[in-house]
C-alpha atoms as a PDB file:
ATOM      1  CA  MET A   1      -1.163  -3.591  -5.422  1.00  0.00           C
ATOM      2  CA  ARG A   2      -2.002  -6.399  -3.019  1.00  0.00           C
ATOM      3  CA  LEU A   3      -5.541  -6.440  -1.610  1.00  0.00           C
ATOM      4  CA  ASN A   4      -6.181  -8.530   1.503  1.00  0.00           C
ATOM      5  CA  GLY A   5      -9.674  -9.222   2.742  1.00  0.00           C
ATOM      6  CA  LEU A   6     -12.905  -9.329   0.751  1.00  0.00           C
ATOM      7  CA  VAL A   7     -12.601  -8.140  -2.850  1.00  0.00           C
ATOM      8  CA  ILE A   8     -15.677  -7.942  -5.101  1.00  0.00           C
ATOM      9  CA  ASP A   9     -15.110  -7.285  -8.808  1.00  0.00           C
ATOM     10  CA  LEU A  10     -17.899  -5.090 -10.233  1.00  0.00           C
ATOM     11  CA  GLY A  11     -16.417  -4.733 -13.708  1.00  0.00           C
ATOM     12  CA  ASP A  12     -14.853  -1.261 -13.832  1.00  0.00           C
ATOM     13  CA  VAL A  13     -14.407  -1.015 -10.048  1.00  0.00           C
ATOM     14  CA  LEU A  14     -13.377  -3.239  -7.142  1.00  0.00           C
ATOM     15  CA  VAL A  15     -15.062  -3.166  -3.738  1.00  0.00           C
ATOM     16  CA  HIS A  16     -12.490  -3.875  -1.037  1.00  0.00           C
ATOM     17  CA  ALA A  17     -13.364  -4.617   2.600  1.00  0.00           C
ATOM     18  CA  GLU A  18     -10.818  -5.546   5.246  1.00  0.00           C
ATOM     19  CA  VAL A  19     -11.236  -6.376   8.925  1.00  0.00           C
ATOM     20  CA  ILE A  20      -8.458  -5.140  11.226  1.00  0.00           C
ATOM     21  CA  VAL A  21      -8.171  -6.412  14.786  1.00  0.00           C
ATOM     22  CA  LYS A  22      -7.759  -3.556  17.273  1.00  0.00           C
ATOM     23  CA  GLY A  23      -4.380  -3.496  18.947  1.00  0.00           C
ATOM     24  CA  GLN A  24      -2.804  -5.637  16.232  1.00  0.00           C
ATOM     25  CA  ARG A  25       0.170  -4.023  14.501  1.00  0.00           C
ATOM     26  CA  HIS A  26      -0.521  -3.717  10.795  1.00  0.00           C
ATOM     27  CA  LEU A  27       2.815  -4.299   9.085  1.00  0.00           C
ATOM     28  CA  GLY A  28       3.363  -5.135   5.460  1.00  0.00           C
ATOM     29  CA  PHE A  29       6.431  -6.294   3.590  1.00  0.00           C
ATOM     30  CA  ALA A  30       8.608  -5.637   0.605  1.00  0.00           C
ATOM     31  CA  LEU A  31      11.319  -7.898  -0.764  1.00  0.00           C
ATOM     32  CA  HIS A  32      14.540  -6.144  -1.655  1.00  0.00           C
ATOM     33  CA  ILE A  33      16.570  -7.949  -4.303  1.00  0.00           C
ATOM     34  CA  GLY A  34      20.111  -6.599  -4.319  1.00  0.00           C
ATOM     35  CA  ALA A  35      22.423  -5.930  -7.241  1.00  0.00           C
ATOM     36  CA  ALA A  36      23.342  -8.928  -9.378  1.00  0.00           C
ATOM     37  CA  GLN A  37      26.788 -10.422  -8.771  1.00  0.00           C
ATOM     38  CA  ASP A  38      28.753 -12.980 -10.786  1.00  0.00           C
ATOM     39  CA  THR A  39      28.344 -16.580  -9.630  1.00  0.00           C
ATOM     40  CA  THR A  40      31.142 -18.970  -8.800  1.00  0.00           C
ATOM     41  CA  LEU A  41      31.263 -22.706  -9.603  1.00  0.00           C
ATOM     42  CA  ALA A  42      30.189 -23.427  -6.009  1.00  0.00           C
ATOM     43  CA  ASP A  43      27.073 -21.269  -6.513  1.00  0.00           C
ATOM     44  CA  ARG A  44      26.017 -23.270  -9.565  1.00  0.00           C
ATOM     45  CA  VAL A  45      25.542 -26.559  -7.711  1.00  0.00           C
ATOM     46  CA  ALA A  46      21.872 -27.565  -7.590  1.00  0.00           C
ATOM     47  CA  GLY A  47      20.357 -26.841  -4.184  1.00  0.00           C
ATOM     48  CA  LYS A  48      17.489 -28.189  -2.109  1.00  0.00           C
ATOM     49  CA  SER A  49      13.948 -27.984  -3.487  1.00  0.00           C
ATOM     50  CA  THR A  50      10.902 -27.390  -1.295  1.00  0.00           C
ATOM     51  CA  PRO A  51       7.462 -28.121  -2.754  1.00  0.00           C
ATOM     52  CA  ALA A  52       5.255 -25.076  -3.268  1.00  0.00           C
ATOM     53  CA  PRO A  53       2.810 -24.488  -0.392  1.00  0.00           C
ATOM     54  CA  ALA A  54      -0.595 -26.155  -0.681  1.00  0.00           C
ATOM     55  CA  GLY A  55      -3.155 -23.924  -2.355  1.00  0.00           C
ATOM     56  CA  GLN A  56      -0.460 -21.643  -3.754  1.00  0.00           C
ATOM     57  CA  ARG A  57      -1.862 -18.472  -5.235  1.00  0.00           C
ATOM     58  CA  LYS A  58      -0.525 -16.261  -7.981  1.00  0.00           C
ATOM     59  CA  VAL A  59       2.973 -14.863  -7.629  1.00  0.00           C
ATOM     60  CA  ASP A  60       3.401 -11.299  -6.408  1.00  0.00           C
ATOM     61  CA  VAL A  61       6.267 -10.368  -8.747  1.00  0.00           C
ATOM     62  CA  ILE A  62       8.121 -11.919 -11.692  1.00  0.00           C
ATOM     63  CA  VAL A  63      11.861 -11.197 -11.757  1.00  0.00           C
ATOM     64  CA  ASP A  64      14.142 -11.795 -14.776  1.00  0.00           C
ATOM     65  CA  PHE A  65      17.221 -13.419 -13.239  1.00  0.00           C
ATOM     66  CA  PRO A  66      20.408 -13.746 -15.364  1.00  0.00           C
ATOM     67  CA  ALA A  67      21.620 -17.361 -15.631  1.00  0.00           C
ATOM     68  CA  ASP A  68      25.155 -16.429 -14.559  1.00  0.00           C
ATOM     69  CA  LYS A  69      24.339 -14.195 -11.561  1.00  0.00           C
ATOM     70  CA  LYS A  70      23.384 -14.306  -7.892  1.00  0.00           C
ATOM     71  CA  ALA A  71      21.696 -11.725  -5.652  1.00  0.00           C
ATOM     72  CA  THR A  72      21.005 -11.149  -1.966  1.00  0.00           C
ATOM     73  CA  ILE A  73      17.328 -11.034  -1.017  1.00  0.00           C
ATOM     74  CA  GLU A  74      16.169  -9.158   2.078  1.00  0.00           C
ATOM     75  CA  TRP A  75      12.765  -9.042   3.801  1.00  0.00           C
ATOM     76  CA  VAL A  76      11.889  -5.409   4.575  1.00  0.00           C
ATOM     77  CA  TRP A  77       9.046  -4.601   6.990  1.00  0.00           C
ATOM     78  CA  THR A  78       6.765  -1.726   5.952  1.00  0.00           C
ATOM     79  CA  ASP A  79       3.882   0.244   7.422  1.00  0.00           C
ATOM     80  CA  GLU A  80       0.448   0.355   5.794  1.00  0.00           C
ATOM     81  CA  LEU A  81       1.701   3.010   3.332  1.00  0.00           C
ATOM     82  CA  MET A  82       4.658   0.798   2.289  1.00  0.00           C
ATOM     83  CA  HIS A  83       7.284   2.944   4.040  1.00  0.00           C
ATOM     84  CA  PRO A  84      10.185   0.871   5.456  1.00  0.00           C
ATOM     85  CA  VAL A  85      10.092   0.502   9.249  1.00  0.00           C
ATOM     86  CA  PRO A  86      12.441  -1.202  11.734  1.00  0.00           C
ATOM     87  CA  ALA A  87      11.982  -4.955  12.054  1.00  0.00           C
ATOM     88  CA  PRO A  88       9.837  -5.980  15.028  1.00  0.00           C
ATOM     89  CA  GLU A  89      11.529  -7.757  17.942  1.00  0.00           C
ATOM     90  CA  GLY A  90      11.582 -11.520  17.576  1.00  0.00           C
ATOM     91  CA  GLN A  91      11.044 -11.606  13.815  1.00  0.00           C
ATOM     92  CA  ALA A  92      11.485 -14.887  11.974  1.00  0.00           C
ATOM     93  CA  VAL A  93      11.915 -14.995   8.190  1.00  0.00           C
ATOM     94  CA  ALA A  94      12.142 -18.257   6.222  1.00  0.00           C
ATOM     95  CA  TYR A  95      12.973 -18.606   2.507  1.00  0.00           C
ATOM     96  CA  SER A  96      12.397 -21.634   0.260  1.00  0.00           C
ATOM     97  CA  ILE A  97      12.554 -22.376  -3.466  1.00  0.00           C
ATOM     98  CA  ASP A  98      10.462 -24.925  -5.349  1.00  0.00           C
ATOM     99  CA  ASP A  99      13.166 -25.946  -7.864  1.00  0.00           C
ATOM    100  CA  GLY A 100      16.728 -26.128  -6.575  1.00  0.00           C
ATOM    101  CA  THR A 101      18.005 -27.271  -9.973  1.00  0.00           C
ATOM    102  CA  ILE A 102      17.321 -23.766 -11.344  1.00  0.00           C
ATOM    103  CA  ILE A 103      18.044 -21.562  -8.300  1.00  0.00           C
ATOM    104  CA  ASN A 104      20.444 -22.519  -5.507  1.00  0.00           C
ATOM    105  CA  LEU A 105      18.969 -20.748  -2.454  1.00  0.00           C
ATOM    106  CA  THR A 106      20.868 -20.160   0.788  1.00  0.00           C
ATOM    107  CA  ASP A 107      18.758 -18.916   3.726  1.00  0.00           C
ATOM    108  CA  ASN A 108      21.213 -17.026   5.926  1.00  0.00           C
ATOM    109  CA  GLY A 109      18.914 -17.205   8.981  1.00  0.00           C
ATOM    110  CA  ASP A 110      19.170 -13.453   9.584  1.00  0.00           C
ATOM    111  CA  GLY A 111      16.257 -12.290   7.403  1.00  0.00           C
ATOM    112  CA  THR A 112      18.318 -12.454   4.211  1.00  0.00           C
ATOM    113  CA  ALA A 113      18.979 -15.131   1.606  1.00  0.00           C
ATOM    114  CA  VAL A 114      21.223 -15.534  -1.428  1.00  0.00           C
ATOM    115  CA  ALA A 115      19.713 -16.801  -4.688  1.00  0.00           C
ATOM    116  CA  ALA A 116      22.196 -18.058  -7.293  1.00  0.00           C
ATOM    117  CA  ALA A 117      21.252 -19.233 -10.767  1.00  0.00           C
ATOM    118  CA  THR A 118      22.689 -22.674 -11.524  1.00  0.00           C
ATOM    119  CA  GLY A 119      22.936 -21.937 -15.255  1.00  0.00           C
ATOM    120  CA  VAL A 120      19.772 -23.874 -16.142  1.00  0.00           C
ATOM    121  CA  LEU A 121      17.145 -21.723 -17.879  1.00  0.00           C
ATOM    122  CA  GLY A 122      13.612 -21.907 -16.462  1.00  0.00           C
ATOM    123  CA  GLN A 123      11.522 -20.621 -13.602  1.00  0.00           C
ATOM    124  CA  ALA A 124      11.460 -21.237  -9.865  1.00  0.00           C
ATOM    125  CA  ILE A 125       9.092 -19.914  -7.200  1.00  0.00           C
ATOM    126  CA  LEU A 126      10.681 -18.223  -4.193  1.00  0.00           C
ATOM    127  CA  HIS A 127       8.401 -18.528  -1.140  1.00  0.00           C
ATOM    128  CA  VAL A 128       8.966 -16.309   1.900  1.00  0.00           C
ATOM    129  CA  GLU A 129       7.234 -16.384   5.283  1.00  0.00           C
ATOM    130  CA  ALA A 130       7.825 -13.751   7.953  1.00  0.00           C
ATOM    131  CA  SER A 131       6.390 -13.588  11.428  1.00  0.00           C
ATOM    132  CA  ALA A 132       6.877 -11.693  14.664  1.00  0.00           C
ATOM    133  CA  PRO A 133       5.051 -11.624  18.004  1.00  0.00           C
ATOM    134  CA  GLY A 134       1.831  -9.615  17.636  1.00  0.00           C
ATOM    135  CA  VAL A 135       2.103  -9.445  13.825  1.00  0.00           C
ATOM    136  CA  ILE A 136      -0.029 -11.405  11.347  1.00  0.00           C
ATOM    137  CA  LEU A 137       1.970 -13.966   9.329  1.00  0.00           C
ATOM    138  CA  GLN A 138       3.246 -12.352   6.122  1.00  0.00           C
ATOM    139  CA  THR A 139       3.939 -14.378   2.966  1.00  0.00           C
ATOM    140  CA  ALA A 140       5.266 -13.620  -0.502  1.00  0.00           C
ATOM    141  CA  ASP A 141       5.715 -15.692  -3.646  1.00  0.00           C
ATOM    142  CA  GLU A 142       8.103 -14.403  -6.304  1.00  0.00           C
ATOM    143  CA  MET A 143       8.805 -16.080  -9.642  1.00  0.00           C
ATOM    144  CA  LEU A 144      12.477 -16.015 -10.552  1.00  0.00           C
ATOM    145  CA  MET A 145      12.625 -16.399 -14.343  1.00  0.00           C
ATOM    146  CA  VAL A 146      16.172 -17.475 -15.194  1.00  0.00           C
ATOM    147  CA  VAL A 147      17.135 -16.030 -18.575  1.00  0.00           C
ATOM    148  CA  ALA A 148      20.309 -16.226 -20.675  1.00  0.00           C
ATOM    149  CA  GLY A 149      23.085 -13.951 -19.443  1.00  0.00           C
ATOM    150  CA  GLY A 150      24.855 -11.334 -21.521  1.00  0.00           C
ATOM    151  CA  ALA A 151      27.173 -12.207 -24.403  1.00  0.00           C
ATOM    152  CA  GLU A 152      30.595 -13.231 -23.071  1.00  0.00           C
ATOM    153  CA  ARG A 153      32.146 -15.273 -25.866  1.00  0.00           C
ATOM    154  CA  GLY A 154      32.149 -15.477 -29.638  1.00  0.00           C
ATOM    155  CA  ALA A 155      32.590 -18.237 -32.158  1.00  0.00           C
ATOM    156  CA  VAL A 156      33.304 -18.380 -35.870  1.00  0.00           C
ATOM    157  CA  LYS A 157      30.340 -19.652 -37.834  1.00  0.00           C
ATOM    158  CA  PHE A 158      30.687 -20.843 -41.419  1.00  0.00           C
ATOM    159  CA  GLY A 159      27.819 -20.545 -43.845  1.00  0.00           C
ATOM    160  CA  PRO A 160      26.961 -23.243 -46.403  1.00  0.00           C
ATOM    161  CA  PHE A 161      29.663 -24.088 -48.944  1.00  0.00           C
ATOM    162  CA  GLU A 162      29.131 -22.648 -52.414  1.00  0.00           C
ATOM    163  CA  GLU A 163      30.581 -23.646 -55.753  1.00  0.00           C
ATOM    164  CA  VAL A 164      33.512 -21.405 -56.700  1.00  0.00           C
ATOM    165  CA  THR A 165      34.290 -22.791 -60.123  1.00  0.00           C
ATOM    166  CA  PRO A 166      31.608 -24.391 -62.247  1.00  0.00           C
ATOM    167  CA  ASP A 167      31.920 -28.087 -63.031  1.00  0.00           C
ATOM    168  CA  VAL A 168      33.095 -28.663 -66.615  1.00  0.00           C
END
């Protein structure tokens, strides 16, 4: 759960206070990561890296991302109860990745992006900013943890050689 505003930790309980400006639409967000798809050689080319924003906070979600896959990412607007709602008029969504050698990110400019693993294992931070007239700037930081893909090939492995006949 994401808590905006003043949060005071009292041990077993949290005190949460939030100021809401009257007349301001209170929209939230959810990132929808689509089904994994196989990558092509073109997908595995290292992409552009954008440094993480200054004062970056903790990531919202950590996603295990197979090293041989790609997925479409979509910004979904939600109400205060996290129910999906239509996108506000004039929305702008921008995606960036802090390490293009691990994830090749393509921002489609329509509120979606495609993240493709380059085959290098590691982690990259996906940063998303969404805005619309009359809506407070929304941001999200997701860690894409690139992990080894499923077994696709096999190889014969020989153990150490052992003496068959004793030396005389």
